[in-house]
Structures are given as C-alpha cells and as structure tokens.
C-alpha cells in the first residue's frame, strides 16, 4: 500500500519545495498552491509566515538512487550478428 506523506519536493521546487509538496499530497496543481501563498502574503503576511513554518517542519522527500545491475560480456546481444 502506498502511504501518502507530506514532504517538501526536491525536484519540482521554486523556493524550498513546500508548495509542490502540498500540491502532490492533495493531488492538485502546484501553481494553485503557490498562488494561495502569494495571495495570503499580499493580504498581510500570514502566507510568508506559514511558508517559513512549513519549510522548517516538513521533511524533504527521500532521494531515490537508481542502480544498474552489472553484466558481463556474455550477456551482450548484438542484433543480426
């Protein structure tokens, strides 16, 4: 079962990845979340404070490291050989 976690994005980020992490958690477009942060920031500042608090509290998503299996020369197949 795939468990949803609220984490900051490492790949889709404008500043610290908070908005894209929230958007991924709720399955919405990150632009909408970014606009909400900007509008609340322009309305007196709670957007900036909320963003900073969330950036401090939310963990960053785990790094997925791709690994390749080693192979030997016998495993190489050349087409039409």
PDB file of N, CA and C in Angstrom:
ATOM      1  N   UNK A   1       0.841  -1.183   0.000  1.00  0.00           N
ATOM      2  CA  UNK A   1       0.000   0.000   0.000  1.00  0.00           C
ATOM      3  C   UNK A   1       0.882   1.240   0.000  1.00  0.00           C
ATOM      4  N   UNK A   2       0.562   2.185  -0.857  1.00  0.00           N
ATOM      5  CA  UNK A   2       1.343   3.413  -0.986  1.00  0.00           C
ATOM      6  C   UNK A   2       0.838   4.430   0.039  1.00  0.00           C
ATOM      7  N   UNK A   3       1.666   4.772   0.986  1.00  0.00           N
ATOM      8  CA  UNK A   3       1.299   5.691   2.050  1.00  0.00           C
ATOM      9  C   UNK A   3       1.658   7.115   1.648  1.00  0.00           C
ATOM     10  N   UNK A   4       0.687   8.034   1.750  1.00  0.00           N
ATOM     11  CA  UNK A   4       0.937   9.430   1.408  1.00  0.00           C
ATOM     12  C   UNK A   4       1.673  10.109   2.554  1.00  0.00           C
ATOM     13  N   UNK A   5       2.682  10.895   2.200  1.00  0.00           N
ATOM     14  CA  UNK A   5       3.423  11.665   3.186  1.00  0.00           C
ATOM     15  C   UNK A   5       3.511  13.112   2.716  1.00  0.00           C
ATOM     16  N   UNK A   6       3.406  14.014   3.656  1.00  0.00           N
ATOM     17  CA  UNK A   6       3.539  15.435   3.359  1.00  0.00           C
ATOM     18  C   UNK A   6       5.011  15.797   3.487  1.00  0.00           C
ATOM     19  N   UNK A   7       5.683  15.897   2.343  1.00  0.00           N
ATOM     20  CA  UNK A   7       7.117  16.194   2.319  1.00  0.00           C
ATOM     21  C   UNK A   7       7.389  17.286   1.298  1.00  0.00           C
ATOM     22  N   UNK A   8       8.492  17.997   1.508  1.00  0.00           N
ATOM     23  CA  UNK A   8       8.914  19.009   0.542  1.00  0.00           C
ATOM     24  C   UNK A   8       9.513  18.322  -0.676  1.00  0.00           C
ATOM     25  N   UNK A   9       9.210  18.845  -1.837  1.00  0.00           N
ATOM     26  CA  UNK A   9       9.706  18.259  -3.078  1.00  0.00           C
ATOM     27  C   UNK A   9      11.164  18.646  -3.304  1.00  0.00           C
ATOM     28  N   UNK A  10      11.938  17.721  -3.849  1.00  0.00           N
ATOM     29  CA  UNK A  10      13.320  18.015  -4.231  1.00  0.00           C
ATOM     30  C   UNK A  10      13.421  18.379  -5.709  1.00  0.00           C
ATOM     31  N   UNK A  11      12.466  17.911  -6.495  1.00  0.00           N
ATOM     32  CA  UNK A  11      12.574  18.086  -7.944  1.00  0.00           C
ATOM     33  C   UNK A  11      11.746  19.249  -8.473  1.00  0.00           C
ATOM     34  N   UNK A  12      10.523  19.389  -8.004  1.00  0.00           N
ATOM     35  CA  UNK A  12       9.625  20.432  -8.516  1.00  0.00           C
ATOM     36  C   UNK A  12       9.529  21.543  -7.481  1.00  0.00           C
ATOM     37  N   UNK A  13      10.547  22.392  -7.442  1.00  0.00           N
ATOM     38  CA  UNK A  13      10.551  23.439  -6.435  1.00  0.00           C
ATOM     39  C   UNK A  13      10.861  24.795  -7.064  1.00  0.00           C
ATOM     40  N   UNK A  14      10.241  25.819  -6.483  1.00  0.00           N
ATOM     41  CA  UNK A  14      10.554  27.189  -6.873  1.00  0.00           C
ATOM     42  C   UNK A  14      11.485  27.806  -5.819  1.00  0.00           C
ATOM     43  N   UNK A  15      11.152  27.611  -4.551  1.00  0.00           N
ATOM     44  CA  UNK A  15      11.982  28.131  -3.467  1.00  0.00           C
ATOM     45  C   UNK A  15      12.481  26.965  -2.609  1.00  0.00           C
ATOM     46  N   UNK A  16      11.614  26.407  -1.768  1.00  0.00           N
ATOM     47  CA  UNK A  16      12.021  25.320  -0.883  1.00  0.00           C
ATOM     48  C   UNK A  16      11.220  24.033  -1.091  1.00  0.00           C
ATOM     49  N   UNK A  17      10.293  24.009  -2.030  1.00  0.00           N
ATOM     50  CA  UNK A  17       9.535  22.799  -2.341  1.00  0.00           C
ATOM     51  C   UNK A  17       8.291  22.593  -1.504  1.00  0.00           C
ATOM     52  N   UNK A  18       7.903  23.586  -0.694  1.00  0.00           N
ATOM     53  CA  UNK A  18       6.736  23.441   0.169  1.00  0.00           C
ATOM     54  C   UNK A  18       5.455  23.366  -0.653  1.00  0.00           C
ATOM     55  N   UNK A  19       5.271  24.285  -1.565  1.00  0.00           N
ATOM     56  CA  UNK A  19       4.034  24.333  -2.351  1.00  0.00           C
ATOM     57  C   UNK A  19       3.863  23.083  -3.209  1.00  0.00           C
ATOM     58  N   UNK A  20       4.925  22.629  -3.834  1.00  0.00           N
ATOM     59  CA  UNK A  20       4.801  21.434  -4.668  1.00  0.00           C
ATOM     60  C   UNK A  20       4.594  20.187  -3.815  1.00  0.00           C
ATOM     61  N   UNK A  21       5.139  20.161  -2.608  1.00  0.00           N
ATOM     62  CA  UNK A  21       4.889  19.045  -1.703  1.00  0.00           C
ATOM     63  C   UNK A  21       3.434  18.995  -1.263  1.00  0.00           C
ATOM     64  N   UNK A  22       2.859  20.146  -0.951  1.00  0.00           N
ATOM     65  CA  UNK A  22       1.446  20.218  -0.571  1.00  0.00           C
ATOM     66  C   UNK A  22       0.572  19.825  -1.762  1.00  0.00           C
ATOM     67  N   UNK A  23       0.919  20.325  -2.933  1.00  0.00           N
ATOM     68  CA  UNK A  23       0.138  20.012  -4.137  1.00  0.00           C
ATOM     69  C   UNK A  23       0.183  18.525  -4.444  1.00  0.00           C
ATOM     70  N   UNK A  24       1.329  17.907  -4.305  1.00  0.00           N
ATOM     71  CA  UNK A  24       1.448  16.469  -4.562  1.00  0.00           C
ATOM     72  C   UNK A  24       0.624  15.675  -3.544  1.00  0.00           C
ATOM     73  N   UNK A  25       0.618  16.109  -2.294  1.00  0.00           N
ATOM     74  CA  UNK A  25      -0.139  15.421  -1.243  1.00  0.00           C
ATOM     75  C   UNK A  25      -1.645  15.456  -1.525  1.00  0.00           C
ATOM     76  N   UNK A  26      -2.140  16.615  -1.970  1.00  0.00           N
ATOM     77  CA  UNK A  26      -3.567  16.767  -2.240  1.00  0.00           C
ATOM     78  C   UNK A  26      -3.940  16.513  -3.701  1.00  0.00           C
ATOM     79  N   UNK A  27      -2.989  16.127  -4.529  1.00  0.00           N
ATOM     80  CA  UNK A  27      -3.199  15.818  -5.957  1.00  0.00           C
ATOM     81  C   UNK A  27      -3.815  16.993  -6.711  1.00  0.00           C
ATOM     82  N   UNK A  28      -3.211  18.176  -6.524  1.00  0.00           N
ATOM     83  CA  UNK A  28      -3.646  19.361  -7.264  1.00  0.00           C
ATOM     84  C   UNK A  28      -2.428  19.992  -7.935  1.00  0.00           C
ATOM     85  N   UNK A  29      -2.682  20.994  -8.743  1.00  0.00           N
ATOM     86  CA  UNK A  29      -1.616  21.676  -9.462  1.00  0.00           C
ATOM     87  C   UNK A  29      -0.812  22.562  -8.495  1.00  0.00           C
ATOM     88  N   UNK A  30       0.516  22.482  -8.536  1.00  0.00           N
ATOM     89  CA  UNK A  30       1.320  23.303  -7.629  1.00  0.00           C
ATOM     90  C   UNK A  30       1.141  24.802  -7.840  1.00  0.00           C
ATOM     91  N   UNK A  31       0.756  25.209  -9.019  1.00  0.00           N
ATOM     92  CA  UNK A  31       0.540  26.641  -9.285  1.00  0.00           C
ATOM     93  C   UNK A  31      -0.574  27.183  -8.402  1.00  0.00           C
ATOM     94  N   UNK A  32      -1.594  26.386  -8.173  1.00  0.00           N
ATOM     95  CA  UNK A  32      -2.708  26.818  -7.318  1.00  0.00           C
ATOM     96  C   UNK A  32      -2.211  27.065  -5.898  1.00  0.00           C
ATOM     97  N   UNK A  33      -1.405  26.167  -5.373  1.00  0.00           N
ATOM     98  CA  UNK A  33      -0.889  26.321  -4.012  1.00  0.00           C
ATOM     99  C   UNK A  33       0.037  27.531  -3.942  1.00  0.00           C
ATOM    100  N   UNK A  34       0.860  27.717  -4.955  1.00  0.00           N
ATOM    101  CA  UNK A  34       1.756  28.883  -4.975  1.00  0.00           C
ATOM    102  C   UNK A  34       0.968  30.182  -5.013  1.00  0.00           C
ATOM    103  N   UNK A  35      -0.103  30.215  -5.798  1.00  0.00           N
ATOM    104  CA  UNK A  35      -0.949  31.419  -5.851  1.00  0.00           C
ATOM    105  C   UNK A  35      -1.595  31.699  -4.499  1.00  0.00           C
ATOM    106  N   UNK A  36      -2.026  30.661  -3.807  1.00  0.00           N
ATOM    107  CA  UNK A  36      -2.618  30.845  -2.480  1.00  0.00           C
ATOM    108  C   UNK A  36      -1.589  31.441  -1.522  1.00  0.00           C
ATOM    109  N   UNK A  37      -0.363  30.938  -1.559  1.00  0.00           N
ATOM    110  CA  UNK A  37       0.694  31.502  -0.704  1.00  0.00           C
ATOM    111  C   UNK A  37       0.956  32.967  -1.045  1.00  0.00           C
ATOM    112  N   UNK A  38       1.014  33.292  -2.324  1.00  0.00           N
ATOM    113  CA  UNK A  38       1.283  34.675  -2.733  1.00  0.00           C
ATOM    114  C   UNK A  38       0.135  35.589  -2.330  1.00  0.00           C
ATOM    115  N   UNK A  39      -1.099  35.144  -2.564  1.00  0.00           N
ATOM    116  CA  UNK A  39      -2.248  35.986  -2.213  1.00  0.00           C
ATOM    117  C   UNK A  39      -2.346  36.215  -0.712  1.00  0.00           C
ATOM    118  N   UNK A  40      -2.069  35.179   0.078  1.00  0.00           N
ATOM    119  CA  UNK A  40      -2.110  35.384   1.534  1.00  0.00           C
ATOM    120  C   UNK A  40      -0.938  36.231   2.014  1.00  0.00           C
ATOM    121  N   UNK A  41       0.176  36.169   1.307  1.00  0.00           N
ATOM    122  CA  UNK A  41       1.312  37.028   1.666  1.00  0.00           C
ATOM    123  C   UNK A  41       0.988  38.488   1.378  1.00  0.00           C
ATOM    124  N   UNK A  42       0.310  38.736   0.260  1.00  0.00           N
ATOM    125  CA  UNK A  42      -0.067  40.110  -0.091  1.00  0.00           C
ATOM    126  C   UNK A  42      -1.187  40.634   0.797  1.00  0.00           C
ATOM    127  N   UNK A  43      -1.920  39.747   1.446  1.00  0.00           N
ATOM    128  CA  UNK A  43      -3.039  40.153   2.291  1.00  0.00           C
ATOM    129  C   UNK A  43      -2.602  40.495   3.716  1.00  0.00           C
ATOM    130  N   UNK A  44      -1.322  40.557   3.962  1.00  0.00           N
ATOM    131  CA  UNK A  44      -0.900  40.966   5.287  1.00  0.00           C
ATOM    132  C   UNK A  44       0.199  40.127   5.895  1.00  0.00           C
ATOM    133  N   UNK A  45       0.670  39.128   5.194  1.00  0.00           N
ATOM    134  CA  UNK A  45       1.825  38.405   5.689  1.00  0.00           C
ATOM    135  C   UNK A  45       1.661  37.003   6.206  1.00  0.00           C
ATOM    136  N   UNK A  46       0.443  36.484   6.453  1.00  0.00           N
ATOM    137  CA  UNK A  46       0.386  35.130   7.007  1.00  0.00           C
ATOM    138  C   UNK A  46       0.891  34.057   6.027  1.00  0.00           C
ATOM    139  N   UNK A  47       0.876  34.341   4.748  1.00  0.00           N
ATOM    140  CA  UNK A  47       1.389  33.385   3.770  1.00  0.00           C
ATOM    141  C   UNK A  47       2.885  33.169   3.905  1.00  0.00           C
ATOM    142  N   UNK A  48       3.615  34.237   4.148  1.00  0.00           N
ATOM    143  CA  UNK A  48       5.063  34.147   4.311  1.00  0.00           C
ATOM    144  C   UNK A  48       5.401  33.393   5.591  1.00  0.00           C
ATOM    145  N   UNK A  49       4.704  33.708   6.661  1.00  0.00           N
ATOM    146  CA  UNK A  49       4.949  33.041   7.943  1.00  0.00           C
ATOM    147  C   UNK A  49       4.607  31.559   7.834  1.00  0.00           C
ATOM    148  N   UNK A  50       3.463  31.245   7.225  1.00  0.00           N
ATOM    149  CA  UNK A  50       3.059  29.845   7.059  1.00  0.00           C
ATOM    150  C   UNK A  50       4.073  29.084   6.210  1.00  0.00           C
ATOM    151  N   UNK A  51       4.566  29.707   5.145  1.00  0.00           N
ATOM    152  CA  UNK A  51       5.548  29.052   4.276  1.00  0.00           C
ATOM    153  C   UNK A  51       6.834  28.741   5.039  1.00  0.00           C
ATOM    154  N   UNK A  52       7.306  29.707   5.803  1.00  0.00           N
ATOM    155  CA  UNK A  52       8.544  29.513   6.568  1.00  0.00           C
ATOM    156  C   UNK A  52       8.366  28.417   7.618  1.00  0.00           C
ATOM    157  N   UNK A  53       7.243  28.433   8.325  1.00  0.00           N
ATOM    158  CA  UNK A  53       6.987  27.406   9.342  1.00  0.00           C
ATOM    159  C   UNK A  53       6.914  26.031   8.694  1.00  0.00           C
ATOM    160  N   UNK A  54       6.219  25.928   7.570  1.00  0.00           N
ATOM    161  CA  UNK A  54       6.101  24.632   6.890  1.00  0.00           C
ATOM    162  C   UNK A  54       7.443  24.165   6.332  1.00  0.00           C
ATOM    163  N   UNK A  55       8.262  25.099   5.871  1.00  0.00           N
ATOM    164  CA  UNK A  55       9.584  24.726   5.363  1.00  0.00           C
ATOM    165  C   UNK A  55      10.462  24.176   6.485  1.00  0.00           C
ATOM    166  N   UNK A  56      10.268  24.671   7.705  1.00  0.00           N
ATOM    167  CA  UNK A  56      11.039  24.174   8.845  1.00  0.00           C
ATOM    168  C   UNK A  56      10.510  22.843   9.366  1.00  0.00           C
ATOM    169  N   UNK A  57       9.202  22.641   9.289  1.00  0.00           N
ATOM    170  CA  UNK A  57       8.578  21.443   9.853  1.00  0.00           C
ATOM    171  C   UNK A  57       8.557  20.269   8.879  1.00  0.00           C
ATOM    172  N   UNK A  58       8.228  20.535   7.619  1.00  0.00           N
ATOM    173  CA  UNK A  58       8.086  19.448   6.631  1.00  0.00           C
ATOM    174  C   UNK A  58       9.450  18.853   6.284  1.00  0.00           C
ATOM    175  N   UNK A  59       9.577  17.544   6.331  1.00  0.00           N
ATOM    176  CA  UNK A  59      10.844  16.931   5.908  1.00  0.00           C
ATOM    177  C   UNK A  59      10.956  16.938   4.391  1.00  0.00           C
ATOM    178  N   UNK A  60      12.182  16.863   3.911  1.00  0.00           N
ATOM    179  CA  UNK A  60      12.412  16.784   2.474  1.00  0.00           C
ATOM    180  C   UNK A  60      12.198  15.341   2.026  1.00  0.00           C
ATOM    181  N   UNK A  61      11.702  15.172   0.795  1.00  0.00           N
ATOM    182  CA  UNK A  61      11.454  13.817   0.319  1.00  0.00           C
ATOM    183  C   UNK A  61      12.766  13.050   0.180  1.00  0.00           C
ATOM    184  N   UNK A  62      12.670  11.750   0.286  1.00  0.00           N
ATOM    185  CA  UNK A  62      13.841  10.889   0.196  1.00  0.00           C
ATOM    186  C   UNK A  62      14.414  10.911  -1.209  1.00  0.00           C
ATOM    187  N   UNK A  63      15.709  10.735  -1.287  1.00  0.00           N
ATOM    188  CA  UNK A  63      16.382  10.667  -2.574  1.00  0.00           C
ATOM    189  C   UNK A  63      16.298   9.232  -3.067  1.00  0.00           C
ATOM    190  N   UNK A  64      15.835   9.071  -4.294  1.00  0.00           N
ATOM    191  CA  UNK A  64      15.773   7.752  -4.902  1.00  0.00           C
ATOM    192  C   UNK A  64      16.999   7.605  -5.787  1.00  0.00           C
ATOM    193  N   UNK A  65      17.816   6.620  -5.455  1.00  0.00           N
ATOM    194  CA  UNK A  65      19.044   6.398  -6.191  1.00  0.00           C
ATOM    195  C   UNK A  65      18.833   5.218  -7.140  1.00  0.00           C
ATOM    196  N   UNK A  66      19.046   5.463  -8.404  1.00  0.00           N
ATOM    197  CA  UNK A  66      18.913   4.399  -9.398  1.00  0.00           C
ATOM    198  C   UNK A  66      20.215   3.612  -9.463  1.00  0.00           C
ATOM    199  N   UNK A  67      20.080   2.321  -9.458  1.00  0.00           N
ATOM    200  CA  UNK A  67      21.257   1.478  -9.574  1.00  0.00           C
ATOM    201  C   UNK A  67      21.097   0.555 -10.769  1.00  0.00           C
ATOM    202  N   UNK A  68      22.188   0.213 -11.362  1.00  0.00           N
ATOM    203  CA  UNK A  68      22.178  -0.691 -12.507  1.00  0.00           C
ATOM    204  C   UNK A  68      22.832  -2.001 -12.102  1.00  0.00           C
ATOM    205  N   UNK A  69      22.304  -3.068 -12.647  1.00  0.00           N
ATOM    206  CA  UNK A  69      22.908  -4.377 -12.397  1.00  0.00           C
ATOM    207  C   UNK A  69      24.128  -4.526 -13.269  1.00  0.00           C
ATOM    208  N   UNK A  70      25.153  -5.131 -12.717  1.00  0.00           N
ATOM    209  CA  UNK A  70      26.353  -5.357 -13.514  1.00  0.00           C
ATOM    210  C   UNK A  70      26.096  -6.501 -14.492  1.00  0.00           C
ATOM    211  N   UNK A  71      26.826  -6.521 -15.564  1.00  0.00           N
ATOM    212  CA  UNK A  71      26.678  -7.580 -16.555  1.00  0.00           C
ATOM    213  C   UNK A  71      28.056  -7.953 -17.070  1.00  0.00           C
ATOM    214  N   UNK A  72      28.115  -9.095 -17.692  1.00  0.00           N
ATOM    215  CA  UNK A  72      29.386  -9.498 -18.278  1.00  0.00           C
ATOM    216  C   UNK A  72      29.254  -9.532 -19.794  1.00  0.00           C
ATOM    217  N   UNK A  73      30.331  -9.796 -20.474  1.00  0.00           N
ATOM    218  CA  UNK A  73      30.346  -9.732 -21.932  1.00  0.00           C
ATOM    219  C   UNK A  73      29.446 -10.758 -22.591  1.00  0.00           C
ATOM    220  N   UNK A  74      29.143 -11.847 -21.927  1.00  0.00           N
ATOM    221  CA  UNK A  74      28.295 -12.883 -22.500  1.00  0.00           C
ATOM    222  C   UNK A  74      26.847 -12.458 -22.567  1.00  0.00           C
ATOM    223  N   UNK A  75      26.457 -11.463 -21.789  1.00  0.00           N
ATOM    224  CA  UNK A  75      25.062 -11.020 -21.767  1.00  0.00           C
ATOM    225  C   UNK A  75      24.743 -10.013 -22.864  1.00  0.00           C
ATOM    226  N   UNK A  76      25.729  -9.510 -23.543  1.00  0.00           N
ATOM    227  CA  UNK A  76      25.513  -8.536 -24.605  1.00  0.00           C
ATOM    228  C   UNK A  76      25.003  -9.269 -25.839  1.00  0.00           C
ATOM    229  N   UNK A  77      23.877  -8.830 -26.364  1.00  0.00           N
ATOM    230  CA  UNK A  77      23.298  -9.456 -27.551  1.00  0.00           C
ATOM    231  C   UNK A  77      23.376  -8.436 -28.686  1.00  0.00           C
ATOM    232  N   UNK A  78      23.959  -8.842 -29.764  1.00  0.00           N
ATOM    233  CA  UNK A  78      24.073  -7.956 -30.922  1.00  0.00           C
ATOM    234  C   UNK A  78      23.091  -8.448 -31.973  1.00  0.00           C
ATOM    235  N   UNK A  79      22.218  -7.544 -32.391  1.00  0.00           N
ATOM    236  CA  UNK A  79      21.178  -7.887 -33.358  1.00  0.00           C
ATOM    237  C   UNK A  79      21.819  -8.143 -34.734  1.00  0.00           C
ATOM    238  N   UNK A  80      21.298  -9.151 -35.445  1.00  0.00           N
ATOM    239  CA  UNK A  80      21.752  -9.531 -36.798  1.00  0.00           C
ATOM    240  C   UNK A  80      23.221  -9.928 -36.805  1.00  0.00           C
ATOM    241  N   UNK A  81      23.688 -10.554 -35.761  1.00  0.00           N
ATOM    242  CA  UNK A  81      25.081 -10.987 -35.743  1.00  0.00           C
ATOM    243  C   UNK A  81      25.201 -12.466 -36.001  1.00  0.00           C
TER     244      UNK A  81
END
